[in-house]
Amino acid sequence: MDPIIEISEGAKKFLKKLISLFDAEDLHYVLIGALPLILNHIRLERHTKDMDFVILLEGKEFEDICKILKHNGLRKTNIPHRFVNEEEKIIVDIIPVSKEIISRGEIYWPTGERMDTTGIEYALENFRIYRLGTGVKVAEVPAVILLKLIAWKDSKELKHLKDILRTLEDYERKGERRFEIVEEMDDYDLAGAYILGKDIARMVNTKVKEKAINIVRKILKECSLLSESERNLLKAFIMGMEA
């Protein structure tokens, strides 16, 4: 099935309105989370209408963005970065970052919570334009998975781990890349995980790569319910990052 078909007409209409707002305010944004995976033919185990965005703060404060969103019908929740579109029941998470926040590596929320922003800059730099009623900047899969590794580290939410594992299974299943690396990885079923590891390693600096590898090792150590095939995918993922 075309992944774009899996996004409802109502969601596409809302997304078009939201992107029009971002463009009108000249905001540098990128779509992250599960939707970029769906758009790249990753067969996630869950359906989602949530929309997650990173927005680079350039000349605006986060409160300015909050006012714009509320003025256009989104309800702000008790979670500082979360909004809800009541009509379509869509949750919108906005991760606001500045160059200072990226350099610091953390967001300090008013609630006292901290969010690790490792990898955010790579999502802002590595994206493609998808036509979803309008042109939408969508983060590339390696950047999305890096952010999901960080999210799992901080929250231990099962949805992030499941999304990572399914992506390792499905990455580059279409096309020739899995066949092109047969001398490095001759197991077709593990080749996607290996390639994704290499793509992340090419994208990031050494410090971030080591952090990603350590998180995957932590998953292997702490998640006792992983199947043998899932463990093999994670090991191939590490091999790719270390290649």
C-alpha atoms as a PDB file:
ATOM      1  CA  MET A   1       0.000   0.000   0.000  1.00  0.00           C
ATOM      2  CA  ASP A   2       1.165   3.531  -0.728  1.00  0.00           C
ATOM      3  CA  PRO A   3       2.117   4.920   2.710  1.00  0.00           C
ATOM      4  CA  ILE A   4       0.558   8.273   1.866  1.00  0.00           C
ATOM      5  CA  ILE A   5      -2.832   6.531   1.584  1.00  0.00           C
ATOM      6  CA  GLU A   6      -2.488   5.494   5.254  1.00  0.00           C
ATOM      7  CA  ILE A   7      -2.675   9.175   6.240  1.00  0.00           C
ATOM      8  CA  SER A   8      -6.336  10.224   6.370  1.00  0.00           C
ATOM      9  CA  GLU A   9      -7.672  13.077   4.275  1.00  0.00           C
ATOM     10  CA  GLY A  10      -8.516  14.952   7.465  1.00  0.00           C
ATOM     11  CA  ALA A  11      -4.974  14.554   8.756  1.00  0.00           C
ATOM     12  CA  LYS A  12      -3.521  15.687   5.428  1.00  0.00           C
ATOM     13  CA  LYS A  13      -5.800  18.733   5.430  1.00  0.00           C
ATOM     14  CA  PHE A  14      -4.738  19.607   8.961  1.00  0.00           C
ATOM     15  CA  LEU A  15      -1.057  19.049   8.125  1.00  0.00           C
ATOM     16  CA  LYS A  16      -1.379  21.357   5.111  1.00  0.00           C
ATOM     17  CA  LYS A  17      -2.835  24.084   7.344  1.00  0.00           C
ATOM     18  CA  LEU A  18      -0.099  23.590   9.927  1.00  0.00           C
ATOM     19  CA  ILE A  19       2.704  23.763   7.360  1.00  0.00           C
ATOM     20  CA  SER A  20       1.133  26.883   5.854  1.00  0.00           C
ATOM     21  CA  LEU A  21       1.348  28.476   9.318  1.00  0.00           C
ATOM     22  CA  PHE A  22       4.996  27.468   9.675  1.00  0.00           C
ATOM     23  CA  ASP A  23       5.832  28.797   6.211  1.00  0.00           C
ATOM     24  CA  ALA A  24       3.962  32.072   6.803  1.00  0.00           C
ATOM     25  CA  GLU A  25       6.057  32.626   9.935  1.00  0.00           C
ATOM     26  CA  ASP A  26       9.238  31.580   8.086  1.00  0.00           C
ATOM     27  CA  LEU A  27       9.901  28.799  10.615  1.00  0.00           C
ATOM     28  CA  HIS A  28      12.638  26.240   9.950  1.00  0.00           C
ATOM     29  CA  TYR A  29      10.882  22.995  10.898  1.00  0.00           C
ATOM     30  CA  VAL A  30      11.166  19.292  10.187  1.00  0.00           C
ATOM     31  CA  LEU A  31       8.714  16.439  10.760  1.00  0.00           C
ATOM     32  CA  ILE A  32      10.098  13.664  12.986  1.00  0.00           C
ATOM     33  CA  GLY A  33       8.573  10.730  14.893  1.00  0.00           C
ATOM     34  CA  ALA A  34       6.659   7.822  13.391  1.00  0.00           C
ATOM     35  CA  LEU A  35       5.216   9.502  10.284  1.00  0.00           C
ATOM     36  CA  PRO A  36       8.564   9.758   8.453  1.00  0.00           C
ATOM     37  CA  LEU A  37       9.004   6.014   8.968  1.00  0.00           C
ATOM     38  CA  ILE A  38       5.560   5.266   7.548  1.00  0.00           C
ATOM     39  CA  LEU A  39       6.304   7.488   4.555  1.00  0.00           C
ATOM     40  CA  ASN A  40       9.466   5.440   3.946  1.00  0.00           C
ATOM     41  CA  HIS A  41       7.601   2.123   3.793  1.00  0.00           C
ATOM     42  CA  ILE A  42       8.488   1.004   7.319  1.00  0.00           C
ATOM     43  CA  ARG A  43       5.711  -1.358   8.389  1.00  0.00           C
ATOM     44  CA  LEU A  44       5.162  -0.159  11.945  1.00  0.00           C
ATOM     45  CA  GLU A  45       3.158  -2.320  14.312  1.00  0.00           C
ATOM     46  CA  ARG A  46       1.032   0.664  15.304  1.00  0.00           C
ATOM     47  CA  HIS A  47      -1.054   3.306  13.593  1.00  0.00           C
ATOM     48  CA  THR A  48      -0.521   6.903  14.612  1.00  0.00           C
ATOM     49  CA  LYS A  49      -1.974  10.286  13.804  1.00  0.00           C
ATOM     50  CA  ASP A  50       0.509  12.080  16.040  1.00  0.00           C
ATOM     51  CA  MET A  51       2.686  14.725  14.408  1.00  0.00           C
ATOM     52  CA  ASP A  52       6.070  15.570  15.897  1.00  0.00           C
ATOM     53  CA  PHE A  53       8.074  18.590  14.769  1.00  0.00           C
ATOM     54  CA  VAL A  54      11.419  20.128  15.548  1.00  0.00           C
ATOM     55  CA  ILE A  55      11.387  23.900  15.100  1.00  0.00           C
ATOM     56  CA  LEU A  56      14.533  26.011  15.069  1.00  0.00           C
ATOM     57  CA  LEU A  57      14.014  29.204  17.053  1.00  0.00           C
ATOM     58  CA  GLU A  58      15.360  32.037  14.914  1.00  0.00           C
ATOM     59  CA  GLY A  59      14.061  35.442  15.963  1.00  0.00           C
ATOM     60  CA  LYS A  60      11.093  33.936  17.813  1.00  0.00           C
ATOM     61  CA  GLU A  61      10.518  32.525  21.279  1.00  0.00           C
ATOM     62  CA  PHE A  62       8.646  29.288  21.930  1.00  0.00           C
ATOM     63  CA  GLU A  63       5.816  31.306  23.495  1.00  0.00           C
ATOM     64  CA  ASP A  64       5.374  33.140  20.175  1.00  0.00           C
ATOM     65  CA  ILE A  65       4.878  29.774  18.442  1.00  0.00           C
ATOM     66  CA  CYS A  66       2.458  28.648  21.175  1.00  0.00           C
ATOM     67  CA  LYS A  67       0.341  31.770  20.640  1.00  0.00           C
ATOM     68  CA  ILE A  68       0.250  31.205  16.873  1.00  0.00           C
ATOM     69  CA  LEU A  69      -0.872  27.597  17.302  1.00  0.00           C
ATOM     70  CA  LYS A  70      -3.516  28.438  19.910  1.00  0.00           C
ATOM     71  CA  HIS A  71      -4.799  31.309  17.758  1.00  0.00           C
ATOM     72  CA  ASN A  72      -5.311  28.794  14.958  1.00  0.00           C
ATOM     73  CA  GLY A  73      -7.376  26.347  16.990  1.00  0.00           C
ATOM     74  CA  LEU A  74      -4.892  24.035  18.688  1.00  0.00           C
ATOM     75  CA  ARG A  75      -5.360  23.408  22.391  1.00  0.00           C
ATOM     76  CA  LYS A  76      -2.263  23.497  24.590  1.00  0.00           C
ATOM     77  CA  THR A  77      -2.040  20.638  27.097  1.00  0.00           C
ATOM     78  CA  ASN A  78      -0.364  20.310  30.486  1.00  0.00           C
ATOM     79  CA  ILE A  79       2.683  18.883  28.689  1.00  0.00           C
ATOM     80  CA  PRO A  80       4.667  22.014  27.743  1.00  0.00           C
ATOM     81  CA  HIS A  81       5.358  21.049  24.136  1.00  0.00           C
ATOM     82  CA  ARG A  82       2.071  19.266  23.320  1.00  0.00           C
ATOM     83  CA  PHE A  83      -0.962  20.554  21.458  1.00  0.00           C
ATOM     84  CA  VAL A  84      -4.173  18.858  20.342  1.00  0.00           C
ATOM     85  CA  ASN A  85      -6.302  19.325  17.244  1.00  0.00           C
ATOM     86  CA  GLU A  86      -9.708  18.392  18.648  1.00  0.00           C
ATOM     87  CA  GLU A  87     -11.445  18.022  15.274  1.00  0.00           C
ATOM     88  CA  GLU A  88      -9.119  15.308  13.966  1.00  0.00           C
ATOM     89  CA  LYS A  89      -7.929  14.102  17.407  1.00  0.00           C
ATOM     90  CA  ILE A  90      -4.322  14.703  16.381  1.00  0.00           C
ATOM     91  CA  ILE A  91      -1.589  15.268  18.945  1.00  0.00           C
ATOM     92  CA  VAL A  92       1.083  17.731  17.852  1.00  0.00           C
ATOM     93  CA  ASP A  93       4.401  17.787  19.694  1.00  0.00           C
ATOM     94  CA  ILE A  94       6.687  20.763  19.075  1.00  0.00           C
ATOM     95  CA  ILE A  95      10.344  20.493  20.064  1.00  0.00           C
ATOM     96  CA  PRO A  96      11.739  24.049  20.010  1.00  0.00           C
ATOM     97  CA  VAL A  97      15.508  24.339  19.709  1.00  0.00           C
ATOM     98  CA  SER A  98      17.961  27.171  19.313  1.00  0.00           C
ATOM     99  CA  LYS A  99      21.630  27.012  18.426  1.00  0.00           C
ATOM    100  CA  GLU A 100      22.337  27.426  22.145  1.00  0.00           C
ATOM    101  CA  ILE A 101      20.085  24.476  23.042  1.00  0.00           C
ATOM    102  CA  ILE A 102      21.700  22.312  20.365  1.00  0.00           C
ATOM    103  CA  SER A 103      25.144  23.207  21.701  1.00  0.00           C
ATOM    104  CA  ARG A 104      24.054  22.528  25.298  1.00  0.00           C
ATOM    105  CA  GLY A 105      22.373  19.261  24.350  1.00  0.00           C
ATOM    106  CA  GLU A 106      19.315  19.691  26.558  1.00  0.00           C
ATOM    107  CA  ILE A 107      15.992  21.486  26.778  1.00  0.00           C
ATOM    108  CA  TYR A 108      14.913  22.627  30.242  1.00  0.00           C
ATOM    109  CA  TRP A 109      11.108  22.575  30.428  1.00  0.00           C
ATOM    110  CA  PRO A 110       9.138  24.797  32.859  1.00  0.00           C
ATOM    111  CA  THR A 111       8.049  21.612  34.664  1.00  0.00           C
ATOM    112  CA  GLY A 112      11.664  20.985  35.685  1.00  0.00           C
ATOM    113  CA  GLU A 113      12.065  18.104  33.233  1.00  0.00           C
ATOM    114  CA  ARG A 114      15.000  17.922  30.862  1.00  0.00           C
ATOM    115  CA  MET A 115      15.031  16.570  27.322  1.00  0.00           C
ATOM    116  CA  ASP A 116      18.173  15.243  25.662  1.00  0.00           C
ATOM    117  CA  THR A 117      18.412  16.957  22.267  1.00  0.00           C
ATOM    118  CA  THR A 118      21.278  14.861  20.897  1.00  0.00           C
ATOM    119  CA  GLY A 119      20.758  14.403  17.155  1.00  0.00           C
ATOM    120  CA  ILE A 120      18.261  17.225  16.657  1.00  0.00           C
ATOM    121  CA  GLU A 121      20.651  19.141  14.403  1.00  0.00           C
ATOM    122  CA  TYR A 122      20.931  16.134  12.081  1.00  0.00           C
ATOM    123  CA  ALA A 123      17.165  16.018  11.637  1.00  0.00           C
ATOM    124  CA  LEU A 124      17.155  19.719  10.745  1.00  0.00           C
ATOM    125  CA  GLU A 125      19.924  19.155   8.183  1.00  0.00           C
ATOM    126  CA  ASN A 126      18.806  15.840   6.663  1.00  0.00           C
ATOM    127  CA  PHE A 127      15.293  15.936   5.256  1.00  0.00           C
ATOM    128  CA  ARG A 128      13.304  15.464   2.069  1.00  0.00           C
ATOM    129  CA  ILE A 129      10.234  17.271   0.777  1.00  0.00           C
ATOM    130  CA  TYR A 130       7.095  15.118   0.573  1.00  0.00           C
ATOM    131  CA  ARG A 131       3.920  16.189  -1.184  1.00  0.00           C
ATOM    132  CA  LEU A 132       1.166  15.714   1.404  1.00  0.00           C
ATOM    133  CA  GLY A 133      -1.317  18.280   0.189  1.00  0.00           C
ATOM    134  CA  THR A 134       1.612  20.680   0.382  1.00  0.00           C
ATOM    135  CA  GLY A 135       5.382  20.364   0.515  1.00  0.00           C
ATOM    136  CA  VAL A 136       6.407  19.013   3.945  1.00  0.00           C
ATOM    137  CA  LYS A 137       9.992  18.800   5.234  1.00  0.00           C
ATOM    138  CA  VAL A 138      10.360  15.231   6.515  1.00  0.00           C
ATOM    139  CA  ALA A 139      13.457  14.036   8.382  1.00  0.00           C
ATOM    140  CA  GLU A 140      15.409  11.204   6.781  1.00  0.00           C
ATOM    141  CA  VAL A 141      15.116   7.771   8.398  1.00  0.00           C
ATOM    142  CA  PRO A 142      18.661   7.696   9.913  1.00  0.00           C
ATOM    143  CA  ALA A 143      17.990  10.982  11.734  1.00  0.00           C
ATOM    144  CA  VAL A 144      14.596   9.746  12.953  1.00  0.00           C
ATOM    145  CA  ILE A 145      16.049   6.504  14.315  1.00  0.00           C
ATOM    146  CA  LEU A 146      18.847   8.382  16.069  1.00  0.00           C
ATOM    147  CA  LEU A 147      16.211  10.501  17.826  1.00  0.00           C
ATOM    148  CA  LYS A 148      14.221   7.390  18.703  1.00  0.00           C
ATOM    149  CA  LEU A 149      17.314   5.853  20.315  1.00  0.00           C
ATOM    150  CA  ILE A 150      17.653   8.981  22.467  1.00  0.00           C
ATOM    151  CA  ALA A 151      13.913   8.893  23.260  1.00  0.00           C
ATOM    152  CA  TRP A 152      14.126   5.231  24.332  1.00  0.00           C
ATOM    153  CA  LYS A 153      17.133   6.010  26.544  1.00  0.00           C
ATOM    154  CA  ASP A 154      15.185   8.713  28.362  1.00  0.00           C
ATOM    155  CA  SER A 155      11.717   7.122  28.529  1.00  0.00           C
ATOM    156  CA  LYS A 156      12.148   3.358  27.981  1.00  0.00           C
ATOM    157  CA  GLU A 157       8.824   3.534  26.089  1.00  0.00           C
ATOM    158  CA  LEU A 158       8.156   0.320  24.204  1.00  0.00           C
ATOM    159  CA  LYS A 159       6.801   2.175  21.146  1.00  0.00           C
ATOM    160  CA  HIS A 160      10.242   3.637  20.428  1.00  0.00           C
ATOM    161  CA  LEU A 161      11.929   0.234  20.660  1.00  0.00           C
ATOM    162  CA  LYS A 162       9.306  -1.378  18.417  1.00  0.00           C
ATOM    163  CA  ASP A 163       9.699   1.405  15.845  1.00  0.00           C
ATOM    164  CA  ILE A 164      13.489   0.963  15.891  1.00  0.00           C
ATOM    165  CA  LEU A 165      13.298  -2.814  15.472  1.00  0.00           C
ATOM    166  CA  ARG A 166      10.780  -2.640  12.628  1.00  0.00           C
ATOM    167  CA  THR A 167      12.934  -0.052  10.865  1.00  0.00           C
ATOM    168  CA  LEU A 168      16.028  -2.262  11.201  1.00  0.00           C
ATOM    169  CA  GLU A 169      14.001  -5.027   9.570  1.00  0.00           C
ATOM    170  CA  ASP A 170      12.563  -2.952   6.706  1.00  0.00           C
ATOM    171  CA  TYR A 171      15.246  -0.351   5.908  1.00  0.00           C
ATOM    172  CA  GLU A 172      16.326  -0.379   2.246  1.00  0.00           C
ATOM    173  CA  ARG A 173      14.210  -3.445   1.479  1.00  0.00           C
ATOM    174  CA  LYS A 174      13.336  -1.794  -1.825  1.00  0.00           C
ATOM    175  CA  GLY A 175      16.123  -1.110  -4.282  1.00  0.00           C
ATOM    176  CA  GLU A 176      19.612  -2.563  -4.663  1.00  0.00           C
ATOM    177  CA  ARG A 177      21.534  -1.399  -1.598  1.00  0.00           C
ATOM    178  CA  ARG A 178      21.152  -4.690   0.291  1.00  0.00           C
ATOM    179  CA  PHE A 179      22.678  -6.562  -2.646  1.00  0.00           C
ATOM    180  CA  GLU A 180      25.481  -4.031  -3.094  1.00  0.00           C
ATOM    181  CA  ILE A 181      27.007  -4.747   0.345  1.00  0.00           C
ATOM    182  CA  VAL A 182      27.049  -8.559   0.066  1.00  0.00           C
ATOM    183  CA  GLU A 183      30.812  -8.639   0.705  1.00  0.00           C
ATOM    184  CA  GLU A 184      30.307  -6.759   3.992  1.00  0.00           C
ATOM    185  CA  MET A 185      27.008  -8.334   5.062  1.00  0.00           C
ATOM    186  CA  ASP A 186      25.906 -11.459   3.208  1.00  0.00           C
ATOM    187  CA  ASP A 187      22.710 -11.985   5.232  1.00  0.00           C
ATOM    188  CA  TYR A 188      19.941 -10.213   3.306  1.00  0.00           C
ATOM    189  CA  ASP A 189      17.641 -10.072   6.339  1.00  0.00           C
ATOM    190  CA  LEU A 190      20.281  -8.255   8.411  1.00  0.00           C
ATOM    191  CA  ALA A 191      21.588  -6.048   5.610  1.00  0.00           C
ATOM    192  CA  GLY A 192      19.074  -3.257   6.204  1.00  0.00           C
ATOM    193  CA  ALA A 193      20.123  -2.901   9.833  1.00  0.00           C
ATOM    194  CA  TYR A 194      23.781  -2.868   8.809  1.00  0.00           C
ATOM    195  CA  ILE A 195      23.178  -0.204   6.135  1.00  0.00           C
ATOM    196  CA  LEU A 196      21.193   1.953   8.571  1.00  0.00           C
ATOM    197  CA  GLY A 197      24.093   1.763  11.015  1.00  0.00           C
ATOM    198  CA  LYS A 198      26.501   2.898   8.291  1.00  0.00           C
ATOM    199  CA  ASP A 199      24.157   5.723   7.242  1.00  0.00           C
ATOM    200  CA  ILE A 200      23.940   7.006  10.825  1.00  0.00           C
ATOM    201  CA  ALA A 201      27.724   6.761  11.254  1.00  0.00           C
ATOM    202  CA  ARG A 202      28.248   8.818   8.076  1.00  0.00           C
ATOM    203  CA  MET A 203      25.768  11.436   9.260  1.00  0.00           C
ATOM    204  CA  VAL A 204      27.013  12.106  12.802  1.00  0.00           C
ATOM    205  CA  ASN A 205      30.223  12.954  14.617  1.00  0.00           C
ATOM    206  CA  THR A 206      32.219  10.393  16.605  1.00  0.00           C
ATOM    207  CA  LYS A 207      30.780  11.408  19.977  1.00  0.00           C
ATOM    208  CA  VAL A 208      27.183  11.001  18.828  1.00  0.00           C
ATOM    209  CA  LYS A 209      28.004   7.711  17.091  1.00  0.00           C
ATOM    210  CA  GLU A 210      29.482   6.289  20.294  1.00  0.00           C
ATOM    211  CA  LYS A 211      26.428   7.444  22.224  1.00  0.00           C
ATOM    212  CA  ALA A 212      24.135   5.672  19.744  1.00  0.00           C
ATOM    213  CA  ILE A 213      26.198   2.472  19.904  1.00  0.00           C
ATOM    214  CA  ASN A 214      26.092   2.507  23.712  1.00  0.00           C
ATOM    215  CA  ILE A 215      22.313   2.900  23.693  1.00  0.00           C
ATOM    216  CA  VAL A 216      21.940  -0.119  21.381  1.00  0.00           C
ATOM    217  CA  ARG A 217      24.223  -2.117  23.660  1.00  0.00           C
ATOM    218  CA  LYS A 218      22.036  -1.053  26.591  1.00  0.00           C
ATOM    219  CA  ILE A 219      18.962  -2.316  24.734  1.00  0.00           C
ATOM    220  CA  LEU A 220      20.675  -5.680  24.178  1.00  0.00           C
ATOM    221  CA  LYS A 221      21.627  -5.869  27.848  1.00  0.00           C
ATOM    222  CA  GLU A 222      18.391  -4.687  29.467  1.00  0.00           C
ATOM    223  CA  CYS A 223      15.631  -5.976  27.164  1.00  0.00           C
ATOM    224  CA  SER A 224      15.387  -9.643  28.071  1.00  0.00           C
ATOM    225  CA  LEU A 225      12.304 -10.299  25.928  1.00  0.00           C
ATOM    226  CA  LEU A 226      14.067  -9.612  22.630  1.00  0.00           C
ATOM    227  CA  SER A 227      13.866 -12.511  20.181  1.00  0.00           C
ATOM    228  CA  GLU A 228      17.008 -13.974  18.649  1.00  0.00           C
ATOM    229  CA  SER A 229      16.221 -12.340  15.307  1.00  0.00           C
ATOM    230  CA  GLU A 230      15.757  -8.937  17.009  1.00  0.00           C
ATOM    231  CA  ARG A 231      19.089  -9.341  18.797  1.00  0.00           C
ATOM    232  CA  ASN A 232      20.761 -10.177  15.501  1.00  0.00           C
ATOM    233  CA  LEU A 233      19.284  -7.046  13.914  1.00  0.00           C
ATOM    234  CA  LEU A 234      20.611  -4.892  16.742  1.00  0.00           C
ATOM    235  CA  LYS A 235      24.058  -6.500  16.491  1.00  0.00           C
ATOM    236  CA  ALA A 236      24.119  -5.895  12.718  1.00  0.00           C
ATOM    237  CA  PHE A 237      23.098  -2.291  13.429  1.00  0.00           C
ATOM    238  CA  ILE A 238      26.113  -1.869  15.721  1.00  0.00           C
ATOM    239  CA  MET A 239      28.371  -3.537  13.133  1.00  0.00           C
ATOM    240  CA  GLY A 240      27.231  -0.988  10.565  1.00  0.00           C
ATOM    241  CA  MET A 241      27.963   1.943  12.866  1.00  0.00           C
ATOM    242  CA  GLU A 242      31.390   0.544  13.672  1.00  0.00           C
ATOM    243  CA  ALA A 243      32.297  -0.348  10.061  1.00  0.00           C
END
